[in-house]
N, C-alpha and C. Protein backbone atom coordinates (compact mmCIF):
# COMPACT_ATOMS: atom_id res chain seq x y z
N MET A 1 -100.01 95.47 -19.93
CA MET A 1 -100.26 95.62 -21.34
C MET A 1 -99.33 94.69 -22.11
N ALA A 2 -99.89 93.89 -23.02
CA ALA A 2 -99.11 92.96 -23.81
C ALA A 2 -98.37 93.71 -24.92
N LEU A 3 -97.11 93.39 -25.07
CA LEU A 3 -96.30 94.06 -26.09
C LEU A 3 -96.16 93.26 -27.37
N GLY A 4 -96.38 91.99 -27.31
CA GLY A 4 -96.21 91.14 -28.48
C GLY A 4 -97.46 90.33 -28.75
N PRO A 5 -97.32 89.39 -29.66
CA PRO A 5 -98.49 88.55 -29.98
C PRO A 5 -98.85 87.66 -28.80
N SER A 6 -100.10 87.26 -28.75
CA SER A 6 -100.52 86.34 -27.70
C SER A 6 -99.85 84.99 -27.93
N ARG A 7 -99.90 84.18 -26.91
CA ARG A 7 -99.32 82.84 -27.02
C ARG A 7 -99.97 82.07 -28.17
N GLU A 8 -101.28 82.19 -28.31
CA GLU A 8 -102.00 81.48 -29.38
C GLU A 8 -101.57 81.99 -30.75
N GLN A 9 -101.43 83.30 -30.90
CA GLN A 9 -100.98 83.86 -32.17
C GLN A 9 -99.57 83.37 -32.50
N PHE A 10 -98.72 83.31 -31.49
CA PHE A 10 -97.37 82.81 -31.68
C PHE A 10 -97.39 81.36 -32.15
N GLN A 11 -98.24 80.54 -31.54
CA GLN A 11 -98.31 79.13 -31.91
C GLN A 11 -98.80 78.94 -33.35
N VAL A 12 -99.76 79.74 -33.77
CA VAL A 12 -100.24 79.67 -35.16
C VAL A 12 -99.13 80.12 -36.11
N THR A 13 -98.43 81.19 -35.76
CA THR A 13 -97.33 81.67 -36.60
C THR A 13 -96.21 80.64 -36.67
N LEU A 14 -95.90 80.02 -35.56
CA LEU A 14 -94.88 78.97 -35.53
C LEU A 14 -95.29 77.80 -36.41
N ALA A 15 -96.54 77.38 -36.31
CA ALA A 15 -97.02 76.28 -37.14
C ALA A 15 -96.91 76.61 -38.62
N THR A 16 -97.22 77.84 -38.97
CA THR A 16 -97.10 78.27 -40.38
C THR A 16 -95.66 78.18 -40.85
N ALA A 17 -94.73 78.64 -40.03
CA ALA A 17 -93.31 78.58 -40.39
C ALA A 17 -92.84 77.13 -40.49
N ILE A 18 -93.25 76.31 -39.55
CA ILE A 18 -92.86 74.89 -39.57
C ILE A 18 -93.44 74.20 -40.79
N CYS A 19 -94.64 74.57 -41.17
CA CYS A 19 -95.27 73.98 -42.36
C CYS A 19 -94.39 74.23 -43.59
N ARG A 20 -93.85 75.41 -43.69
CA ARG A 20 -93.02 75.77 -44.85
C ARG A 20 -91.68 75.05 -44.85
N THR A 21 -91.17 74.72 -43.67
CA THR A 21 -89.84 74.11 -43.61
C THR A 21 -89.87 72.60 -43.39
N ARG A 22 -90.88 72.11 -42.63
CA ARG A 22 -90.91 70.69 -42.29
C ARG A 22 -92.17 69.97 -42.73
N GLY A 23 -93.13 70.72 -43.24
CA GLY A 23 -94.33 70.08 -43.76
C GLY A 23 -95.56 70.23 -42.88
N MET A 24 -96.69 69.85 -43.48
CA MET A 24 -97.98 70.03 -42.82
C MET A 24 -98.15 69.19 -41.58
N GLU A 25 -97.68 67.96 -41.60
CA GLU A 25 -97.85 67.09 -40.44
C GLU A 25 -97.12 67.67 -39.23
N ALA A 26 -95.92 68.20 -39.43
CA ALA A 26 -95.18 68.82 -38.32
C ALA A 26 -95.91 70.04 -37.78
N ALA A 27 -96.47 70.83 -38.69
CA ALA A 27 -97.24 72.01 -38.27
C ALA A 27 -98.48 71.60 -37.49
N ALA A 28 -99.18 70.58 -37.98
CA ALA A 28 -100.37 70.10 -37.28
C ALA A 28 -100.01 69.59 -35.90
N SER A 29 -98.86 68.94 -35.77
CA SER A 29 -98.42 68.43 -34.46
C SER A 29 -98.25 69.56 -33.45
N ILE A 30 -97.70 70.67 -33.91
CA ILE A 30 -97.53 71.83 -33.03
C ILE A 30 -98.89 72.32 -32.54
N LEU A 31 -99.84 72.41 -33.46
CA LEU A 31 -101.16 72.90 -33.06
C LEU A 31 -101.92 71.88 -32.22
N ARG A 32 -101.69 70.58 -32.44
CA ARG A 32 -102.33 69.57 -31.59
C ARG A 32 -101.88 69.74 -30.14
N ILE A 33 -100.59 69.97 -29.95
CA ILE A 33 -100.07 70.19 -28.60
C ILE A 33 -100.66 71.48 -28.01
N ALA A 34 -100.72 72.52 -28.82
CA ALA A 34 -101.28 73.80 -28.36
C ALA A 34 -102.75 73.63 -27.96
N VAL A 35 -103.51 72.86 -28.73
CA VAL A 35 -104.92 72.64 -28.42
C VAL A 35 -105.08 71.83 -27.14
N GLU A 36 -104.18 70.88 -26.91
CA GLU A 36 -104.23 70.13 -25.65
C GLU A 36 -104.04 71.07 -24.46
N GLU A 37 -103.15 72.05 -24.62
CA GLU A 37 -102.87 72.99 -23.54
C GLU A 37 -103.99 74.00 -23.34
N THR A 38 -104.59 74.46 -24.42
CA THR A 38 -105.67 75.46 -24.34
C THR A 38 -106.80 75.07 -25.30
N PRO A 39 -107.59 74.07 -24.91
CA PRO A 39 -108.64 73.55 -25.80
C PRO A 39 -109.77 74.53 -26.08
N ARG A 40 -109.90 75.57 -25.27
CA ARG A 40 -111.00 76.52 -25.48
C ARG A 40 -110.57 77.75 -26.27
N GLU A 41 -109.46 77.67 -26.96
CA GLU A 41 -108.99 78.77 -27.81
C GLU A 41 -109.47 78.51 -29.24
N ALA A 42 -110.44 79.27 -29.66
CA ALA A 42 -111.09 79.06 -30.96
C ALA A 42 -110.12 79.14 -32.13
N SER A 43 -109.19 80.09 -32.09
CA SER A 43 -108.29 80.25 -33.24
C SER A 43 -107.38 79.03 -33.41
N LEU A 44 -106.97 78.41 -32.32
CA LEU A 44 -106.16 77.19 -32.44
C LEU A 44 -106.97 76.05 -33.04
N GLN A 45 -108.20 75.90 -32.58
CA GLN A 45 -109.09 74.86 -33.14
C GLN A 45 -109.31 75.10 -34.64
N TYR A 46 -109.54 76.35 -34.99
CA TYR A 46 -109.81 76.72 -36.39
C TYR A 46 -108.61 76.42 -37.28
N HIS A 47 -107.43 76.83 -36.85
CA HIS A 47 -106.24 76.59 -37.67
C HIS A 47 -105.87 75.12 -37.72
N LEU A 48 -106.07 74.40 -36.63
CA LEU A 48 -105.82 72.96 -36.67
C LEU A 48 -106.81 72.27 -37.61
N ALA A 49 -108.03 72.74 -37.64
CA ALA A 49 -109.02 72.19 -38.59
C ALA A 49 -108.52 72.34 -40.02
N GLN A 50 -107.89 73.46 -40.32
CA GLN A 50 -107.36 73.67 -41.68
C GLN A 50 -106.29 72.64 -42.01
N TYR A 51 -105.35 72.44 -41.08
CA TYR A 51 -104.29 71.45 -41.33
C TYR A 51 -104.86 70.05 -41.45
N GLU A 52 -105.79 69.70 -40.57
CA GLU A 52 -106.39 68.36 -40.64
C GLU A 52 -107.11 68.16 -41.98
N CYS A 53 -107.76 69.19 -42.44
CA CYS A 53 -108.45 69.13 -43.74
C CYS A 53 -107.45 68.92 -44.87
N LEU A 54 -106.39 69.69 -44.86
CA LEU A 54 -105.36 69.57 -45.90
C LEU A 54 -104.65 68.21 -45.85
N LEU A 55 -104.57 67.63 -44.66
CA LEU A 55 -103.95 66.31 -44.52
C LEU A 55 -104.93 65.18 -44.87
N GLY A 56 -106.19 65.53 -45.12
CA GLY A 56 -107.17 64.55 -45.56
C GLY A 56 -108.01 63.92 -44.47
N ASP A 57 -107.85 64.34 -43.23
CA ASP A 57 -108.66 63.81 -42.14
C ASP A 57 -109.88 64.71 -41.96
N LEU A 58 -110.87 64.51 -42.81
CA LEU A 58 -112.04 65.38 -42.82
C LEU A 58 -112.90 65.21 -41.57
N VAL A 59 -112.92 64.03 -41.00
CA VAL A 59 -113.71 63.81 -39.78
C VAL A 59 -113.12 64.64 -38.64
N GLU A 60 -111.81 64.56 -38.46
CA GLU A 60 -111.16 65.34 -37.41
C GLU A 60 -111.26 66.84 -37.70
N ALA A 61 -111.07 67.21 -38.95
CA ALA A 61 -111.15 68.62 -39.33
C ALA A 61 -112.54 69.18 -39.03
N ARG A 62 -113.56 68.41 -39.35
CA ARG A 62 -114.94 68.86 -39.11
C ARG A 62 -115.20 69.01 -37.61
N ALA A 63 -114.69 68.08 -36.82
CA ALA A 63 -114.87 68.16 -35.37
C ALA A 63 -114.17 69.39 -34.81
N ARG A 64 -112.95 69.66 -35.27
CA ARG A 64 -112.21 70.85 -34.82
C ARG A 64 -112.94 72.13 -35.22
N LEU A 65 -113.44 72.13 -36.44
CA LEU A 65 -114.14 73.31 -36.94
C LEU A 65 -115.42 73.54 -36.15
N ALA A 66 -116.14 72.49 -35.85
CA ALA A 66 -117.37 72.62 -35.06
C ALA A 66 -117.05 73.19 -33.67
N THR A 67 -115.95 72.73 -33.09
CA THR A 67 -115.53 73.26 -31.79
C THR A 67 -115.18 74.73 -31.89
N ALA A 68 -114.44 75.09 -32.92
CA ALA A 68 -114.07 76.50 -33.13
C ALA A 68 -115.32 77.36 -33.26
N PHE A 69 -116.31 76.88 -34.00
CA PHE A 69 -117.54 77.63 -34.19
C PHE A 69 -118.30 77.80 -32.88
N ARG A 70 -118.31 76.76 -32.04
CA ARG A 70 -119.00 76.87 -30.74
C ARG A 70 -118.30 77.90 -29.86
N LEU A 71 -116.98 77.96 -29.96
CA LEU A 71 -116.21 78.90 -29.13
C LEU A 71 -116.28 80.33 -29.64
N ASP A 72 -116.37 80.47 -30.98
CA ASP A 72 -116.41 81.81 -31.58
C ASP A 72 -117.19 81.74 -32.89
N GLY A 73 -118.45 82.10 -32.80
CA GLY A 73 -119.34 82.01 -33.95
C GLY A 73 -118.92 82.86 -35.15
N LYS A 74 -118.11 83.89 -34.91
CA LYS A 74 -117.67 84.76 -36.01
C LYS A 74 -116.76 84.01 -36.99
N LEU A 75 -116.20 82.92 -36.56
CA LEU A 75 -115.32 82.15 -37.45
C LEU A 75 -116.07 81.51 -38.61
N ARG A 76 -117.38 81.37 -38.48
CA ARG A 76 -118.17 80.80 -39.57
C ARG A 76 -118.00 81.61 -40.86
N LEU A 77 -117.98 82.93 -40.73
CA LEU A 77 -117.83 83.78 -41.90
C LEU A 77 -116.46 83.62 -42.55
N LEU A 78 -115.43 83.50 -41.72
CA LEU A 78 -114.09 83.28 -42.26
C LEU A 78 -114.00 81.94 -42.98
N ALA A 79 -114.63 80.93 -42.41
CA ALA A 79 -114.54 79.58 -42.96
C ALA A 79 -115.12 79.49 -44.36
N LEU A 80 -116.15 80.27 -44.63
CA LEU A 80 -116.79 80.21 -45.95
C LEU A 80 -115.84 80.55 -47.08
N ASP A 81 -114.88 81.42 -46.82
CA ASP A 81 -113.94 81.85 -47.86
C ASP A 81 -112.54 81.25 -47.69
N GLU A 82 -112.39 80.27 -46.81
CA GLU A 82 -111.08 79.70 -46.54
C GLU A 82 -110.81 78.52 -47.47
N PRO A 83 -109.88 78.69 -48.41
CA PRO A 83 -109.61 77.59 -49.36
C PRO A 83 -109.08 76.33 -48.68
N ASN A 84 -108.44 76.46 -47.53
CA ASN A 84 -107.92 75.28 -46.84
C ASN A 84 -109.02 74.40 -46.25
N LEU A 85 -110.24 74.92 -46.20
CA LEU A 85 -111.38 74.15 -45.67
C LEU A 85 -112.32 73.68 -46.77
N LYS A 86 -111.98 73.93 -48.00
CA LYS A 86 -112.86 73.62 -49.13
C LYS A 86 -113.28 72.15 -49.15
N ALA A 87 -112.38 71.26 -48.84
CA ALA A 87 -112.71 69.83 -48.89
C ALA A 87 -113.84 69.47 -47.93
N ILE A 88 -113.90 70.14 -46.79
CA ILE A 88 -115.00 69.86 -45.85
C ILE A 88 -116.32 70.26 -46.47
N PHE A 89 -116.36 71.42 -47.06
CA PHE A 89 -117.62 71.92 -47.63
C PHE A 89 -118.00 71.17 -48.90
N ASP A 90 -117.00 70.62 -49.59
CA ASP A 90 -117.30 69.79 -50.76
C ASP A 90 -117.83 68.42 -50.34
N PHE A 91 -117.37 67.92 -49.20
CA PHE A 91 -117.71 66.58 -48.75
C PHE A 91 -119.01 66.53 -47.96
N TYR A 92 -119.18 67.48 -47.05
CA TYR A 92 -120.36 67.49 -46.18
C TYR A 92 -121.41 68.45 -46.71
N GLU A 93 -122.65 68.08 -46.50
CA GLU A 93 -123.76 68.97 -46.81
C GLU A 93 -123.70 70.16 -45.86
N PRO A 94 -124.07 71.36 -46.32
CA PRO A 94 -124.01 72.54 -45.45
C PRO A 94 -124.83 72.40 -44.16
N ALA A 95 -125.90 71.67 -44.21
CA ALA A 95 -126.76 71.53 -43.04
C ALA A 95 -126.35 70.36 -42.14
N ALA A 96 -125.15 69.82 -42.36
CA ALA A 96 -124.74 68.61 -41.62
C ALA A 96 -124.24 68.93 -40.21
N GLY A 97 -124.66 70.02 -39.63
CA GLY A 97 -124.35 70.28 -38.25
C GLY A 97 -123.29 71.33 -37.98
N LEU A 98 -122.60 71.81 -39.00
CA LEU A 98 -121.58 72.83 -38.76
C LEU A 98 -122.19 74.20 -38.58
N TRP A 99 -123.29 74.46 -39.21
CA TRP A 99 -123.86 75.81 -39.20
C TRP A 99 -124.98 75.88 -38.20
């Protein structure tokens, strides 16, 4: 029985803390490494998509988000209300392959 957060939850929490102290690029770097280690973890893909979007790389953010959706379709509902992903939805048409 696990007593603490999963490794993925820890990595997302660490990235959030690093974002506050060292900036978004440093936080995104942490999640990029985490995604390399566990590419099939939807939550890591989803959170990295948010950072990529905020950093202005909409192509990479969209690709990460599409991967997250393929891994866990329930994330689509979260994405609709996520302000960190707003730029993707403003830039791409809704039917452009994400849904």
